[in-house]
PDB file of N, CA and C in Angstrom:
ATOM      1  N   UNK A   1      66.431   3.435 -27.934  1.00  0.00           N
ATOM      2  CA  UNK A   1      65.165   2.894 -27.507  1.00  0.00           C
ATOM      3  C   UNK A   1      64.894   1.635 -28.324  1.00  0.00           C
ATOM      4  N   UNK A   2      64.386   0.632 -27.667  1.00  0.00           N
ATOM      5  CA  UNK A   2      64.066  -0.644 -28.319  1.00  0.00           C
ATOM      6  C   UNK A   2      62.542  -0.818 -28.341  1.00  0.00           C
ATOM      7  N   UNK A   3      61.991  -0.947 -29.537  1.00  0.00           N
ATOM      8  CA  UNK A   3      60.550  -1.119 -29.714  1.00  0.00           C
ATOM      9  C   UNK A   3      60.311  -2.527 -30.248  1.00  0.00           C
ATOM     10  N   UNK A   4      59.415  -3.258 -29.597  1.00  0.00           N
ATOM     11  CA  UNK A   4      59.096  -4.628 -30.006  1.00  0.00           C
ATOM     12  C   UNK A   4      57.593  -4.741 -30.204  1.00  0.00           C
ATOM     13  N   UNK A   5      57.206  -5.363 -31.308  1.00  0.00           N
ATOM     14  CA  UNK A   5      55.792  -5.609 -31.589  1.00  0.00           C
ATOM     15  C   UNK A   5      55.604  -7.122 -31.671  1.00  0.00           C
ATOM     16  N   UNK A   6      54.784  -7.664 -30.778  1.00  0.00           N
ATOM     17  CA  UNK A   6      54.428  -9.083 -30.825  1.00  0.00           C
ATOM     18  C   UNK A   6      53.160  -9.186 -31.659  1.00  0.00           C
ATOM     19  N   UNK A   7      53.196 -10.051 -32.673  1.00  0.00           N
ATOM     20  CA  UNK A   7      52.071 -10.146 -33.598  1.00  0.00           C
ATOM     21  C   UNK A   7      52.028 -11.534 -34.226  1.00  0.00           C
ATOM     22  N   UNK A   8      51.045 -11.740 -35.107  1.00  0.00           N
ATOM     23  CA  UNK A   8      50.983 -12.949 -35.917  1.00  0.00           C
ATOM     24  C   UNK A   8      50.486 -12.594 -37.312  1.00  0.00           C
ATOM     25  N   UNK A   9      50.723 -13.486 -38.250  1.00  0.00           N
ATOM     26  CA  UNK A   9      50.263 -13.240 -39.622  1.00  0.00           C
ATOM     27  C   UNK A   9      48.734 -13.163 -39.687  1.00  0.00           C
ATOM     28  N   UNK A  10      48.232 -12.499 -40.708  1.00  0.00           N
ATOM     29  CA  UNK A  10      46.792 -12.387 -40.958  1.00  0.00           C
ATOM     30  C   UNK A  10      46.050 -11.732 -39.795  1.00  0.00           C
ATOM     31  N   UNK A  11      46.678 -10.744 -39.183  1.00  0.00           N
ATOM     32  CA  UNK A  11      46.093 -10.016 -38.054  1.00  0.00           C
ATOM     33  C   UNK A  11      46.029  -8.550 -38.465  1.00  0.00           C
ATOM     34  N   UNK A  12      44.822  -8.056 -38.772  1.00  0.00           N
ATOM     35  CA  UNK A  12      44.719  -6.680 -39.266  1.00  0.00           C
ATOM     36  C   UNK A  12      45.118  -5.656 -38.210  1.00  0.00           C
ATOM     37  N   UNK A  13      44.834  -5.933 -36.944  1.00  0.00           N
ATOM     38  CA  UNK A  13      45.261  -5.011 -35.886  1.00  0.00           C
ATOM     39  C   UNK A  13      46.790  -4.962 -35.806  1.00  0.00           C
ATOM     40  N   UNK A  14      47.423  -6.115 -36.008  1.00  0.00           N
ATOM     41  CA  UNK A  14      48.891  -6.170 -36.011  1.00  0.00           C
ATOM     42  C   UNK A  14      49.446  -5.324 -37.145  1.00  0.00           C
ATOM     43  N   UNK A  15      48.860  -5.463 -38.320  1.00  0.00           N
ATOM     44  CA  UNK A  15      49.319  -4.689 -39.470  1.00  0.00           C
ATOM     45  C   UNK A  15      49.156  -3.192 -39.224  1.00  0.00           C
ATOM     46  N   UNK A  16      48.040  -2.804 -38.603  1.00  0.00           N
ATOM     47  CA  UNK A  16      47.806  -1.388 -38.297  1.00  0.00           C
ATOM     48  C   UNK A  16      48.846  -0.861 -37.311  1.00  0.00           C
ATOM     49  N   UNK A  17      49.137  -1.638 -36.265  1.00  0.00           N
ATOM     50  CA  UNK A  17      50.103  -1.178 -35.272  1.00  0.00           C
ATOM     51  C   UNK A  17      51.504  -1.092 -35.880  1.00  0.00           C
ATOM     52  N   UNK A  18      51.885  -2.078 -36.665  1.00  0.00           N
ATOM     53  CA  UNK A  18      53.205  -2.046 -37.313  1.00  0.00           C
ATOM     54  C   UNK A  18      53.326  -0.802 -38.191  1.00  0.00           C
ATOM     55  N   UNK A  19      52.283  -0.512 -38.951  1.00  0.00           N
ATOM     56  CA  UNK A  19      52.315   0.661 -39.830  1.00  0.00           C
ATOM     57  C   UNK A  19      52.465   1.941 -39.015  1.00  0.00           C
ATOM     58  N   UNK A  20      51.760   2.038 -37.896  1.00  0.00           N
ATOM     59  CA  UNK A  20      51.834   3.235 -37.059  1.00  0.00           C
ATOM     60  C   UNK A  20      53.227   3.384 -36.455  1.00  0.00           C
ATOM     61  N   UNK A  21      53.789   2.294 -35.975  1.00  0.00           N
ATOM     62  CA  UNK A  21      55.131   2.346 -35.386  1.00  0.00           C
ATOM     63  C   UNK A  21      56.147   2.787 -36.432  1.00  0.00           C
ATOM     64  N   UNK A  22      56.052   2.238 -37.631  1.00  0.00           N
ATOM     65  CA  UNK A  22      56.994   2.610 -38.676  1.00  0.00           C
ATOM     66  C   UNK A  22      56.765   4.050 -39.140  1.00  0.00           C
ATOM     67  N   UNK A  23      55.524   4.494 -39.192  1.00  0.00           N
ATOM     68  CA  UNK A  23      55.228   5.878 -39.565  1.00  0.00           C
ATOM     69  C   UNK A  23      55.904   6.852 -38.603  1.00  0.00           C
ATOM     70  N   UNK A  24      55.798   6.566 -37.316  1.00  0.00           N
ATOM     71  CA  UNK A  24      56.312   7.477 -36.295  1.00  0.00           C
ATOM     72  C   UNK A  24      57.818   7.327 -36.086  1.00  0.00           C
ATOM     73  N   UNK A  25      58.340   6.113 -36.152  1.00  0.00           N
ATOM     74  CA  UNK A  25      59.710   5.885 -35.694  1.00  0.00           C
ATOM     75  C   UNK A  25      60.733   5.541 -36.761  1.00  0.00           C
ATOM     76  N   UNK A  26      60.316   5.198 -37.977  1.00  0.00           N
ATOM     77  CA  UNK A  26      61.320   4.928 -39.020  1.00  0.00           C
ATOM     78  C   UNK A  26      62.182   6.160 -39.211  1.00  0.00           C
ATOM     79  N   UNK A  27      63.456   5.947 -39.305  1.00  0.00           N
ATOM     80  CA  UNK A  27      64.382   7.051 -39.504  1.00  0.00           C
ATOM     81  C   UNK A  27      64.982   7.580 -38.218  1.00  0.00           C
ATOM     82  N   UNK A  28      64.498   7.119 -37.068  1.00  0.00           N
ATOM     83  CA  UNK A  28      65.081   7.525 -35.784  1.00  0.00           C
ATOM     84  C   UNK A  28      66.298   6.640 -35.540  1.00  0.00           C
ATOM     85  N   UNK A  29      67.473   7.226 -35.642  1.00  0.00           N
ATOM     86  CA  UNK A  29      68.716   6.460 -35.508  1.00  0.00           C
ATOM     87  C   UNK A  29      68.905   5.860 -34.123  1.00  0.00           C
ATOM     88  N   UNK A  30      68.176   6.343 -33.143  1.00  0.00           N
ATOM     89  CA  UNK A  30      68.320   5.861 -31.764  1.00  0.00           C
ATOM     90  C   UNK A  30      67.261   4.828 -31.390  1.00  0.00           C
ATOM     91  N   UNK A  31      66.524   4.349 -32.382  1.00  0.00           N
ATOM     92  CA  UNK A  31      65.441   3.402 -32.122  1.00  0.00           C
ATOM     93  C   UNK A  31      65.607   2.165 -32.990  1.00  0.00           C
ATOM     94  N   UNK A  32      65.468   0.994 -32.350  1.00  0.00           N
ATOM     95  CA  UNK A  32      65.414  -0.253 -33.111  1.00  0.00           C
ATOM     96  C   UNK A  32      63.996  -0.802 -32.999  1.00  0.00           C
ATOM     97  N   UNK A  33      63.479  -1.297 -34.110  1.00  0.00           N
ATOM     98  CA  UNK A  33      62.131  -1.848 -34.154  1.00  0.00           C
ATOM     99  C   UNK A  33      62.247  -3.327 -34.484  1.00  0.00           C
ATOM    100  N   UNK A  34      61.672  -4.155 -33.625  1.00  0.00           N
ATOM    101  CA  UNK A  34      61.686  -5.605 -33.837  1.00  0.00           C
ATOM    102  C   UNK A  34      60.251  -6.096 -33.883  1.00  0.00           C
ATOM    103  N   UNK A  35      59.938  -6.870 -34.903  1.00  0.00           N
ATOM    104  CA  UNK A  35      58.619  -7.490 -35.035  1.00  0.00           C
ATOM    105  C   UNK A  35      58.773  -8.978 -34.766  1.00  0.00           C
ATOM    106  N   UNK A  36      58.046  -9.481 -33.786  1.00  0.00           N
ATOM    107  CA  UNK A  36      58.159 -10.885 -33.400  1.00  0.00           C
ATOM    108  C   UNK A  36      56.847 -11.603 -33.698  1.00  0.00           C
ATOM    109  N   UNK A  37      56.931 -12.635 -34.531  1.00  0.00           N
ATOM    110  CA  UNK A  37      55.788 -13.483 -34.874  1.00  0.00           C
ATOM    111  C   UNK A  37      55.636 -14.523 -33.767  1.00  0.00           C
ATOM    112  N   UNK A  38      54.524 -14.461 -33.037  1.00  0.00           N
ATOM    113  CA  UNK A  38      54.319 -15.381 -31.915  1.00  0.00           C
ATOM    114  C   UNK A  38      53.713 -16.706 -32.339  1.00  0.00           C
ATOM    115  N   UNK A  39      53.297 -16.825 -33.590  1.00  0.00           N
ATOM    116  CA  UNK A  39      52.514 -17.992 -34.010  1.00  0.00           C
ATOM    117  C   UNK A  39      53.265 -19.316 -33.912  1.00  0.00           C
ATOM    118  N   UNK A  40      54.596 -19.305 -33.956  1.00  0.00           N
ATOM    119  CA  UNK A  40      55.364 -20.552 -33.882  1.00  0.00           C
ATOM    120  C   UNK A  40      56.063 -20.742 -32.541  1.00  0.00           C
ATOM    121  N   UNK A  41      55.718 -19.915 -31.557  1.00  0.00           N
ATOM    122  CA  UNK A  41      56.369 -19.992 -30.255  1.00  0.00           C
ATOM    123  C   UNK A  41      55.289 -20.192 -29.196  1.00  0.00           C
ATOM    124  N   UNK A  42      55.192 -21.396 -28.650  1.00  0.00           N
ATOM    125  CA  UNK A  42      54.110 -21.714 -27.715  1.00  0.00           C
ATOM    126  C   UNK A  42      54.127 -20.842 -26.464  1.00  0.00           C
ATOM    127  N   UNK A  43      55.295 -20.485 -25.981  1.00  0.00           N
ATOM    128  CA  UNK A  43      55.397 -19.641 -24.789  1.00  0.00           C
ATOM    129  C   UNK A  43      54.837 -18.247 -25.080  1.00  0.00           C
ATOM    130  N   UNK A  44      55.269 -17.653 -26.203  1.00  0.00           N
ATOM    131  CA  UNK A  44      54.778 -16.323 -26.563  1.00  0.00           C
ATOM    132  C   UNK A  44      53.305 -16.357 -26.952  1.00  0.00           C
ATOM    133  N   UNK A  45      52.882 -17.415 -27.618  1.00  0.00           N
ATOM    134  CA  UNK A  45      51.473 -17.562 -27.988  1.00  0.00           C
ATOM    135  C   UNK A  45      50.594 -17.633 -26.750  1.00  0.00           C
ATOM    136  N   UNK A  46      51.055 -18.354 -25.736  1.00  0.00           N
ATOM    137  CA  UNK A  46      50.310 -18.447 -24.481  1.00  0.00           C
ATOM    138  C   UNK A  46      50.288 -17.096 -23.760  1.00  0.00           C
ATOM    139  N   UNK A  47      51.403 -16.388 -23.777  1.00  0.00           N
ATOM    140  CA  UNK A  47      51.524 -15.114 -23.067  1.00  0.00           C
ATOM    141  C   UNK A  47      50.753 -13.987 -23.747  1.00  0.00           C
ATOM    142  N   UNK A  48      50.834 -13.898 -25.088  1.00  0.00           N
ATOM    143  CA  UNK A  48      50.293 -12.747 -25.801  1.00  0.00           C
ATOM    144  C   UNK A  48      49.162 -13.068 -26.778  1.00  0.00           C
ATOM    145  N   UNK A  49      48.812 -14.336 -26.926  1.00  0.00           N
ATOM    146  CA  UNK A  49      47.871 -14.757 -27.957  1.00  0.00           C
ATOM    147  C   UNK A  49      46.550 -14.035 -27.979  1.00  0.00           C
ATOM    148  N   UNK A  50      46.008 -13.666 -26.824  1.00  0.00           N
ATOM    149  CA  UNK A  50      44.714 -12.993 -26.763  1.00  0.00           C
ATOM    150  C   UNK A  50      44.838 -11.477 -26.736  1.00  0.00           C
ATOM    151  N   UNK A  51      46.059 -10.969 -26.735  1.00  0.00           N
ATOM    152  CA  UNK A  51      46.265  -9.521 -26.613  1.00  0.00           C
ATOM    153  C   UNK A  51      46.887  -8.889 -27.846  1.00  0.00           C
ATOM    154  N   UNK A  52      47.248  -9.658 -28.849  1.00  0.00           N
ATOM    155  CA  UNK A  52      48.024  -9.105 -29.957  1.00  0.00           C
ATOM    156  C   UNK A  52      47.229  -8.074 -30.736  1.00  0.00           C
ATOM    157  N   UNK A  53      47.922  -7.126 -31.293  1.00  0.00           N
ATOM    158  CA  UNK A  53      49.343  -6.894 -31.155  1.00  0.00           C
ATOM    159  C   UNK A  53      49.687  -6.292 -29.796  1.00  0.00           C
ATOM    160  N   UNK A  54      50.879  -6.585 -29.335  1.00  0.00           N
ATOM    161  CA  UNK A  54      51.390  -6.018 -28.086  1.00  0.00           C
ATOM    162  C   UNK A  54      52.613  -5.180 -28.438  1.00  0.00           C
ATOM    163  N   UNK A  55      52.631  -3.963 -27.918  1.00  0.00           N
ATOM    164  CA  UNK A  55      53.741  -3.046 -28.162  1.00  0.00           C
ATOM    165  C   UNK A  55      54.540  -2.877 -26.885  1.00  0.00           C
ATOM    166  N   UNK A  56      55.841  -3.128 -27.007  1.00  0.00           N
ATOM    167  CA  UNK A  56      56.760  -2.977 -25.879  1.00  0.00           C
ATOM    168  C   UNK A  56      57.768  -1.891 -26.227  1.00  0.00           C
ATOM    169  N   UNK A  57      58.095  -1.074 -25.246  1.00  0.00           N
ATOM    170  CA  UNK A  57      59.166  -0.100 -25.400  1.00  0.00           C
ATOM    171  C   UNK A  57      60.158  -0.350 -24.284  1.00  0.00           C
ATOM    172  N   UNK A  58      61.380  -0.675 -24.669  1.00  0.00           N
ATOM    173  CA  UNK A  58      62.451  -0.998 -23.723  1.00  0.00           C
ATOM    174  C   UNK A  58      62.009  -2.044 -22.704  1.00  0.00           C
ATOM    175  N   UNK A  59      61.276  -3.062 -23.195  1.00  0.00           N
ATOM    176  CA  UNK A  59      60.885  -4.195 -22.361  1.00  0.00           C
ATOM    177  C   UNK A  59      59.633  -4.000 -21.531  1.00  0.00           C
ATOM    178  N   UNK A  60      58.978  -2.853 -21.649  1.00  0.00           N
ATOM    179  CA  UNK A  60      57.755  -2.581 -20.889  1.00  0.00           C
ATOM    180  C   UNK A  60      56.566  -2.536 -21.837  1.00  0.00           C
ATOM    181  N   UNK A  61      55.508  -3.297 -21.492  1.00  0.00           N
ATOM    182  CA  UNK A  61      54.306  -3.282 -22.320  1.00  0.00           C
ATOM    183  C   UNK A  61      53.642  -1.915 -22.197  1.00  0.00           C
ATOM    184  N   UNK A  62      53.461  -1.246 -23.348  1.00  0.00           N
ATOM    185  CA  UNK A  62      52.872   0.092 -23.340  1.00  0.00           C
ATOM    186  C   UNK A  62      51.527   0.145 -24.057  1.00  0.00           C
ATOM    187  N   UNK A  63      51.211  -0.866 -24.872  1.00  0.00           N
ATOM    188  CA  UNK A  63      49.932  -0.871 -25.584  1.00  0.00           C
ATOM    189  C   UNK A  63      49.619  -2.274 -26.075  1.00  0.00           C
ATOM    190  N   UNK A  64      48.330  -2.498 -26.270  1.00  0.00           N
ATOM    191  CA  UNK A  64      47.878  -3.715 -26.937  1.00  0.00           C
ATOM    192  C   UNK A  64      46.672  -3.341 -27.795  1.00  0.00           C
ATOM    193  N   UNK A  65      46.423  -4.124 -28.809  1.00  0.00           N
ATOM    194  CA  UNK A  65      45.344  -3.943 -29.776  1.00  0.00           C
ATOM    195  C   UNK A  65      45.560  -2.748 -30.702  1.00  0.00           C
ATOM    196  N   UNK A  66      45.537  -1.524 -30.172  1.00  0.00           N
ATOM    197  CA  UNK A  66      45.658  -0.326 -31.017  1.00  0.00           C
ATOM    198  C   UNK A  66      46.465   0.743 -30.307  1.00  0.00           C
ATOM    199  N   UNK A  67      47.095   1.606 -31.121  1.00  0.00           N
ATOM    200  CA  UNK A  67      47.778   2.786 -30.595  1.00  0.00           C
ATOM    201  C   UNK A  67      47.639   3.879 -31.652  1.00  0.00           C
ATOM    202  N   UNK A  68      47.273   5.069 -31.213  1.00  0.00           N
ATOM    203  CA  UNK A  68      47.157   6.186 -32.151  1.00  0.00           C
ATOM    204  C   UNK A  68      48.519   6.849 -32.321  1.00  0.00           C
ATOM    205  N   UNK A  69      48.622   7.670 -33.342  1.00  0.00           N
ATOM    206  CA  UNK A  69      49.870   8.392 -33.570  1.00  0.00           C
ATOM    207  C   UNK A  69      50.198   9.285 -32.376  1.00  0.00           C
ATOM    208  N   UNK A  70      49.196   9.994 -31.869  1.00  0.00           N
ATOM    209  CA  UNK A  70      49.424  10.887 -30.719  1.00  0.00           C
ATOM    210  C   UNK A  70      49.860  10.109 -29.485  1.00  0.00           C
ATOM    211  N   UNK A  71      49.215   8.958 -29.228  1.00  0.00           N
ATOM    212  CA  UNK A  71      49.592   8.140 -28.079  1.00  0.00           C
ATOM    213  C   UNK A  71      51.025   7.640 -28.217  1.00  0.00           C
ATOM    214  N   UNK A  72      51.374   7.175 -29.405  1.00  0.00           N
ATOM    215  CA  UNK A  72      52.721   6.646 -29.620  1.00  0.00           C
ATOM    216  C   UNK A  72      53.763   7.747 -29.473  1.00  0.00           C
ATOM    217  N   UNK A  73      53.494   8.908 -30.036  1.00  0.00           N
ATOM    218  CA  UNK A  73      54.441  10.026 -29.891  1.00  0.00           C
ATOM    219  C   UNK A  73      54.623  10.407 -28.426  1.00  0.00           C
ATOM    220  N   UNK A  74      53.544  10.381 -27.670  1.00  0.00           N
ATOM    221  CA  UNK A  74      53.654  10.696 -26.234  1.00  0.00           C
ATOM    222  C   UNK A  74      54.481   9.619 -25.526  1.00  0.00           C
ATOM    223  N   UNK A  75      54.271   8.352 -25.864  1.00  0.00           N
ATOM    224  CA  UNK A  75      55.013   7.258 -25.240  1.00  0.00           C
ATOM    225  C   UNK A  75      56.514   7.360 -25.475  1.00  0.00           C
ATOM    226  N   UNK A  76      56.882   7.819 -26.670  1.00  0.00           N
ATOM    227  CA  UNK A  76      58.300   7.895 -26.997  1.00  0.00           C
ATOM    228  C   UNK A  76      58.862   9.293 -26.779  1.00  0.00           C
ATOM    229  N   UNK A  77      58.111  10.121 -26.111  1.00  0.00           N
ATOM    230  CA  UNK A  77      58.607  11.442 -25.755  1.00  0.00           C
ATOM    231  C   UNK A  77      58.764  12.385 -26.930  1.00  0.00           C
ATOM    232  N   UNK A  78      57.872  12.250 -27.932  1.00  0.00           N
ATOM    233  CA  UNK A  78      57.928  13.159 -29.063  1.00  0.00           C
ATOM    234  C   UNK A  78      58.949  12.795 -30.104  1.00  0.00           C
ATOM    235  N   UNK A  79      59.649  11.664 -29.910  1.00  0.00           N
ATOM    236  CA  UNK A  79      60.636  11.244 -30.920  1.00  0.00           C
ATOM    237  C   UNK A  79      59.916  10.752 -32.150  1.00  0.00           C
ATOM    238  N   UNK A  80      60.626  10.654 -33.219  1.00  0.00           N
ATOM    239  CA  UNK A  80      60.067  10.152 -34.461  1.00  0.00           C
ATOM    240  C   UNK A  80      60.245  11.158 -35.567  1.00  0.00           C
ATOM    241  N   UNK A  81      59.746  10.853 -36.736  1.00  0.00           N
ATOM    242  CA  UNK A  81      59.929  11.711 -37.896  1.00  0.00           C
ATOM    243  C   UNK A  81      59.511  13.133 -37.581  1.00  0.00           C
ATOM    244  N   UNK A  82      60.364  14.040 -37.921  1.00  0.00           N
ATOM    245  CA  UNK A  82      60.065  15.442 -37.709  1.00  0.00           C
ATOM    246  C   UNK A  82      60.323  15.925 -36.297  1.00  0.00           C
ATOM    247  N   UNK A  83      60.632  15.039 -35.383  1.00  0.00           N
ATOM    248  CA  UNK A  83      60.860  15.403 -33.998  1.00  0.00           C
ATOM    249  C   UNK A  83      62.172  14.866 -33.464  1.00  0.00           C
ATOM    250  N   UNK A  84      63.103  14.564 -34.323  1.00  0.00           N
ATOM    251  CA  UNK A  84      64.363  13.972 -33.892  1.00  0.00           C
ATOM    252  C   UNK A  84      65.294  15.034 -33.338  1.00  0.00           C
TER     253      UNK A  84
END
């Protein structure tokens, strides 16, 4: 599974989402987590600038702004620490 977080520096919501993703998914050998800073990319800034953070799973947008631990676990089918 490929997880992508679109974010920018100095964004507290971005920091919260990154922390939640790492809490749930770090250690899952079948998951890659990529954090993309949109601040230097005009195309991504135009696309996601008002919605950050944006969470994508396997190329599909699944959340923006916030995601709870329960929501994230449901999105990834219960995968993550303790559920591998």
